[in-house]
PDB file of N, CA and C in Angstrom:
ATOM      1  N   MET A   1       0.824  -1.193   0.000  1.00  0.00           N
ATOM      2  CA  MET A   1       0.000   0.000   0.000  1.00  0.00           C
ATOM      3  C   MET A   1       0.868   1.258   0.000  1.00  0.00           C
ATOM      4  N   SER A   2       1.939   1.288   0.785  1.00  0.00           N
ATOM      5  CA  SER A   2       2.767   2.489   0.843  1.00  0.00           C
ATOM      6  C   SER A   2       3.485   2.724  -0.486  1.00  0.00           C
ATOM      7  N   LYS A   3       3.806   1.666  -1.212  1.00  0.00           N
ATOM      8  CA  LYS A   3       4.445   1.823  -2.524  1.00  0.00           C
ATOM      9  C   LYS A   3       3.473   2.474  -3.501  1.00  0.00           C
ATOM     10  N   MET A   4       2.205   2.107  -3.429  1.00  0.00           N
ATOM     11  CA  MET A   4       1.193   2.724  -4.289  1.00  0.00           C
ATOM     12  C   MET A   4       1.024   4.197  -3.949  1.00  0.00           C
ATOM     13  N   LEU A   5       1.031   4.511  -2.678  1.00  0.00           N
ATOM     14  CA  LEU A   5       0.906   5.897  -2.238  1.00  0.00           C
ATOM     15  C   LEU A   5       2.117   6.711  -2.695  1.00  0.00           C
ATOM     16  N   GLN A   6       3.288   6.156  -2.553  1.00  0.00           N
ATOM     17  CA  GLN A   6       4.499   6.846  -2.976  1.00  0.00           C
ATOM     18  C   GLN A   6       4.481   7.102  -4.484  1.00  0.00           C
ATOM     19  N   ASN A   7       4.038   6.122  -5.261  1.00  0.00           N
ATOM     20  CA  ASN A   7       3.942   6.292  -6.711  1.00  0.00           C
ATOM     21  C   ASN A   7       2.938   7.378  -7.072  1.00  0.00           C
ATOM     22  N   ALA A   8       1.822   7.417  -6.380  1.00  0.00           N
ATOM     23  CA  ALA A   8       0.798   8.429  -6.637  1.00  0.00           C
ATOM     24  C   ALA A   8       1.331   9.827  -6.333  1.00  0.00           C
ATOM     25  N   LEU A   9       2.059   9.966  -5.244  1.00  0.00           N
ATOM     26  CA  LEU A   9       2.632  11.262  -4.891  1.00  0.00           C
ATOM     27  C   LEU A   9       3.687  11.700  -5.904  1.00  0.00           C
ATOM     28  N   GLU A  10       4.476  10.763  -6.379  1.00  0.00           N
ATOM     29  CA  GLU A  10       5.481  11.077  -7.389  1.00  0.00           C
ATOM     30  C   GLU A  10       4.828  11.509  -8.696  1.00  0.00           C
ATOM     31  N   GLU A  11       3.734  10.858  -9.056  1.00  0.00           N
ATOM     32  CA  GLU A  11       3.000  11.227 -10.273  1.00  0.00           C
ATOM     33  C   GLU A  11       2.406  12.628 -10.146  1.00  0.00           C
ATOM     34  N   GLN A  12       1.869  12.956  -8.976  1.00  0.00           N
ATOM     35  CA  GLN A  12       1.330  14.294  -8.757  1.00  0.00           C
ATOM     36  C   GLN A  12       2.428  15.340  -8.863  1.00  0.00           C
ATOM     37  N   ARG A  13       3.548  15.074  -8.250  1.00  0.00           N
ATOM     38  CA  ARG A  13       4.676  16.005  -8.287  1.00  0.00           C
ATOM     39  C   ARG A  13       5.134  16.217  -9.720  1.00  0.00           C
ATOM     40  N   LYS A  14       5.220  15.144 -10.475  1.00  0.00           N
ATOM     41  CA  LYS A  14       5.631  15.224 -11.874  1.00  0.00           C
ATOM     42  C   LYS A  14       4.633  16.057 -12.681  1.00  0.00           C
ATOM     43  N   TYR A  15       3.344  15.833 -12.466  1.00  0.00           N
ATOM     44  CA  TYR A  15       2.295  16.557 -13.190  1.00  0.00           C
ATOM     45  C   TYR A  15       2.386  18.057 -12.927  1.00  0.00           C
ATOM     46  N   TYR A  16       2.412  18.450 -11.654  1.00  0.00           N
ATOM     47  CA  TYR A  16       2.455  19.867 -11.309  1.00  0.00           C
ATOM     48  C   TYR A  16       3.755  20.511 -11.766  1.00  0.00           C
ATOM     49  N   SER A  17       4.857  19.786 -11.674  1.00  0.00           N
ATOM     50  CA  SER A  17       6.143  20.320 -12.114  1.00  0.00           C
ATOM     51  C   SER A  17       6.146  20.580 -13.616  1.00  0.00           C
ATOM     52  N   GLN A  18       5.593  19.658 -14.384  1.00  0.00           N
ATOM     53  CA  GLN A  18       5.543  19.834 -15.830  1.00  0.00           C
ATOM     54  C   GLN A  18       4.687  21.032 -16.214  1.00  0.00           C
ATOM     55  N   LYS A  19       3.563  21.201 -15.554  1.00  0.00           N
ATOM     56  CA  LYS A  19       2.677  22.329 -15.853  1.00  0.00           C
ATOM     57  C   LYS A  19       3.344  23.656 -15.522  1.00  0.00           C
ATOM     58  N   LEU A  20       4.034  23.731 -14.399  1.00  0.00           N
ATOM     59  CA  LEU A  20       4.699  24.974 -14.014  1.00  0.00           C
ATOM     60  C   LEU A  20       5.921  25.251 -14.888  1.00  0.00           C
ATOM     61  N   LEU A  21       6.618  24.208 -15.311  1.00  0.00           N
ATOM     62  CA  LEU A  21       7.742  24.397 -16.226  1.00  0.00           C
ATOM     63  C   LEU A  21       7.260  24.927 -17.573  1.00  0.00           C
ATOM     64  N   ALA A  22       6.090  24.490 -17.999  1.00  0.00           N
ATOM     65  CA  ALA A  22       5.540  24.943 -19.277  1.00  0.00           C
ATOM     66  C   ALA A  22       5.290  26.450 -19.266  1.00  0.00           C
ATOM     67  N   LEU A  23       4.961  26.998 -18.104  1.00  0.00           N
ATOM     68  CA  LEU A  23       4.754  28.439 -17.993  1.00  0.00           C
ATOM     69  C   LEU A  23       6.068  29.209 -17.998  1.00  0.00           C
ATOM     70  N   GLY A  24       7.137  28.562 -17.591  1.00  0.00           N
ATOM     71  CA  GLY A  24       8.441  29.203 -17.571  1.00  0.00           C
ATOM     72  C   GLY A  24       8.668  30.100 -16.371  1.00  0.00           C
ATOM     73  N   ILE A  25       7.887  29.927 -15.336  1.00  0.00           N
ATOM     74  CA  ILE A  25       8.026  30.768 -14.147  1.00  0.00           C
ATOM     75  C   ILE A  25       9.107  30.230 -13.221  1.00  0.00           C
ATOM     76  N   TYR A  26       9.144  28.935 -13.053  1.00  0.00           N
ATOM     77  CA  TYR A  26      10.121  28.300 -12.163  1.00  0.00           C
ATOM     78  C   TYR A  26      11.048  27.412 -12.970  1.00  0.00           C
ATOM     79  N   ASN A  27      12.242  27.199 -12.433  1.00  0.00           N
ATOM     80  CA  ASN A  27      13.138  26.225 -13.042  1.00  0.00           C
ATOM     81  C   ASN A  27      13.129  24.963 -12.179  1.00  0.00           C
ATOM     82  N   LYS A  28      13.768  23.920 -12.655  1.00  0.00           N
ATOM     83  CA  LYS A  28      13.740  22.633 -11.952  1.00  0.00           C
ATOM     84  C   LYS A  28      14.387  22.708 -10.573  1.00  0.00           C
ATOM     85  N   GLN A  29      15.435  23.493 -10.462  1.00  0.00           N
ATOM     86  CA  GLN A  29      16.135  23.594  -9.181  1.00  0.00           C
ATOM     87  C   GLN A  29      15.219  24.166  -8.103  1.00  0.00           C
ATOM     88  N   VAL A  30      14.454  25.182  -8.440  1.00  0.00           N
ATOM     89  CA  VAL A  30      13.536  25.790  -7.475  1.00  0.00           C
ATOM     90  C   VAL A  30      12.424  24.810  -7.125  1.00  0.00           C
ATOM     91  N   MET A  31      11.888  24.138  -8.128  1.00  0.00           N
ATOM     92  CA  MET A  31      10.767  23.220  -7.872  1.00  0.00           C
ATOM     93  C   MET A  31      11.193  21.994  -7.080  1.00  0.00           C
ATOM     94  N   ASN A  32      12.435  21.589  -7.201  1.00  0.00           N
ATOM     95  CA  ASN A  32      12.912  20.448  -6.404  1.00  0.00           C
ATOM     96  C   ASN A  32      12.889  20.765  -4.914  1.00  0.00           C
ATOM     97  N   ASN A  33      12.995  22.047  -4.564  1.00  0.00           N
ATOM     98  CA  ASN A  33      12.976  22.445  -3.158  1.00  0.00           C
ATOM     99  C   ASN A  33      11.571  22.732  -2.645  1.00  0.00           C
ATOM    100  N   MET A  34      10.575  22.694  -3.520  1.00  0.00           N
ATOM    101  CA  MET A  34       9.194  22.971  -3.118  1.00  0.00           C
ATOM    102  C   MET A  34       8.500  21.682  -2.694  1.00  0.00           C
ATOM    103  N   THR A  35       7.585  21.816  -1.742  1.00  0.00           N
ATOM    104  CA  THR A  35       6.796  20.660  -1.336  1.00  0.00           C
ATOM    105  C   THR A  35       5.676  20.446  -2.343  1.00  0.00           C
ATOM    106  N   LEU A  36       5.030  19.303  -2.261  1.00  0.00           N
ATOM    107  CA  LEU A  36       3.913  19.003  -3.156  1.00  0.00           C
ATOM    108  C   LEU A  36       2.775  20.002  -2.950  1.00  0.00           C
ATOM    109  N   THR A  37       2.533  20.379  -1.723  1.00  0.00           N
ATOM    110  CA  THR A  37       1.490  21.363  -1.421  1.00  0.00           C
ATOM    111  C   THR A  37       1.815  22.709  -2.051  1.00  0.00           C
ATOM    112  N   GLU A  38       3.067  23.122  -1.983  1.00  0.00           N
ATOM    113  CA  GLU A  38       3.468  24.381  -2.609  1.00  0.00           C
ATOM    114  C   GLU A  38       3.299  24.320  -4.122  1.00  0.00           C
ATOM    115  N   LEU A  39       3.655  23.184  -4.719  1.00  0.00           N
ATOM    116  CA  LEU A  39       3.467  23.028  -6.156  1.00  0.00           C
ATOM    117  C   LEU A  39       1.993  23.124  -6.534  1.00  0.00           C
ATOM    118  N   LYS A  40       1.140  22.483  -5.751  1.00  0.00           N
ATOM    119  CA  LYS A  40      -0.303  22.538  -6.011  1.00  0.00           C
ATOM    120  C   LYS A  40      -0.823  23.962  -5.902  1.00  0.00           C
ATOM    121  N   ASN A  41      -0.402  24.668  -4.871  1.00  0.00           N
ATOM    122  CA  ASN A  41      -0.860  26.041  -4.674  1.00  0.00           C
ATOM    123  C   ASN A  41      -0.411  26.949  -5.813  1.00  0.00           C
ATOM    124  N   GLU A  42       0.818  26.801  -6.242  1.00  0.00           N
ATOM    125  CA  GLU A  42       1.319  27.604  -7.354  1.00  0.00           C
ATOM    126  C   GLU A  42       0.582  27.269  -8.646  1.00  0.00           C
ATOM    127  N   TYR A  43       0.334  25.997  -8.860  1.00  0.00           N
ATOM    128  CA  TYR A  43      -0.426  25.564 -10.041  1.00  0.00           C
ATOM    129  C   TYR A  43      -1.809  26.194 -10.024  1.00  0.00           C
ATOM    130  N   ASN A  44      -2.487  26.102  -8.902  1.00  0.00           N
ATOM    131  CA  ASN A  44      -3.835  26.673  -8.803  1.00  0.00           C
ATOM    132  C   ASN A  44      -3.815  28.184  -8.988  1.00  0.00           C
ATOM    133  N   TYR A  45      -2.803  28.842  -8.486  1.00  0.00           N
ATOM    134  CA  TYR A  45      -2.710  30.290  -8.621  1.00  0.00           C
ATOM    135  C   TYR A  45      -2.554  30.689 -10.092  1.00  0.00           C
ATOM    136  N   PHE A  46      -1.632  30.044 -10.791  1.00  0.00           N
ATOM    137  CA  PHE A  46      -1.337  30.457 -12.157  1.00  0.00           C
ATOM    138  C   PHE A  46      -2.319  29.918 -13.195  1.00  0.00           C
ATOM    139  N   TYR A  47      -2.958  28.791 -12.943  1.00  0.00           N
ATOM    140  CA  TYR A  47      -3.851  28.213 -13.926  1.00  0.00           C
ATOM    141  C   TYR A  47      -5.325  28.523 -13.683  1.00  0.00           C
ATOM    142  N   HIS A  48      -5.698  28.818 -12.452  1.00  0.00           N
ATOM    143  CA  HIS A  48      -7.119  28.979 -12.158  1.00  0.00           C
ATOM    144  C   HIS A  48      -7.520  30.373 -11.715  1.00  0.00           C
ATOM    145  N   ASN A  49      -6.602  31.167 -11.257  1.00  0.00           N
ATOM    146  CA  ASN A  49      -6.927  32.518 -10.812  1.00  0.00           C
ATOM    147  C   ASN A  49      -6.630  33.506 -11.926  1.00  0.00           C
ATOM    148  N   VAL A  50      -7.671  33.966 -12.563  1.00  0.00           N
ATOM    149  CA  VAL A  50      -7.510  34.980 -13.588  1.00  0.00           C
ATOM    150  C   VAL A  50      -7.728  36.325 -12.915  1.00  0.00           C
ATOM    151  N   PRO A  51      -6.741  37.196 -12.973  1.00  0.00           N
ATOM    152  CA  PRO A  51      -6.910  38.484 -12.290  1.00  0.00           C
ATOM    153  C   PRO A  51      -8.071  39.273 -12.896  1.00  0.00           C
ATOM    154  N   LYS A  52      -8.848  39.871 -12.030  1.00  0.00           N
ATOM    155  CA  LYS A  52      -9.979  40.668 -12.469  1.00  0.00           C
ATOM    156  C   LYS A  52      -9.515  42.105 -12.672  1.00  0.00           C
ATOM    157  N   LEU A  53      -9.866  42.669 -13.786  1.00  0.00           N
ATOM    158  CA  LEU A  53      -9.507  44.050 -14.087  1.00  0.00           C
ATOM    159  C   LEU A  53     -10.673  44.951 -13.721  1.00  0.00           C
ATOM    160  N   LYS A  54     -10.359  46.033 -13.040  1.00  0.00           N
ATOM    161  CA  LYS A  54     -11.396  46.985 -12.676  1.00  0.00           C
ATOM    162  C   LYS A  54     -11.452  48.058 -13.750  1.00  0.00           C
ATOM    163  N   ARG A  55     -12.634  48.352 -14.168  1.00  0.00           N
ATOM    164  CA  ARG A  55     -12.805  49.393 -15.169  1.00  0.00           C
ATOM    165  C   ARG A  55     -12.752  50.765 -14.498  1.00  0.00           C
ATOM    166  N   LYS A  56     -12.121  51.672 -15.189  1.00  0.00           N
ATOM    167  CA  LYS A  56     -12.077  53.039 -14.677  1.00  0.00           C
ATOM    168  C   LYS A  56     -13.391  53.715 -15.007  1.00  0.00           C
ATOM    169  N   SER A  57     -13.888  54.455 -14.070  1.00  0.00           N
ATOM    170  CA  SER A  57     -15.145  55.172 -14.314  1.00  0.00           C
ATOM    171  C   SER A  57     -14.878  56.350 -15.243  1.00  0.00           C
ATOM    172  N   THR A  58     -15.823  56.644 -16.100  1.00  0.00           N
ATOM    173  CA  THR A  58     -15.649  57.731 -17.069  1.00  0.00           C
ATOM    174  C   THR A  58     -16.212  59.033 -16.582  1.00  0.00           C
ATOM    175  N   SER A  59     -16.636  59.080 -15.335  1.00  0.00           N
ATOM    176  CA  SER A  59     -17.215  60.336 -14.835  1.00  0.00           C
ATOM    177  C   SER A  59     -16.222  61.309 -14.317  1.00  0.00           C
TER     178      SER A  59
END
C-alpha cells in the first residue's frame, strides 16, 4: 500500500512540475525544493486565478 501511495505522490509532483515548467516561471532547481502542497498552490494560482480588471469610471 505504501508503494502505491508513494507512486501516486510522485505522479502528482511530476504533473504539477511539468505544468509549471511549461509556464516558464520556475526552473527545476527551485521546484525540487518545493513541497507538493506548494506546487499545487502555485499551479492553482497560475492556472485557475484569472486576475480581475477593474474598469475606470468615465465620470
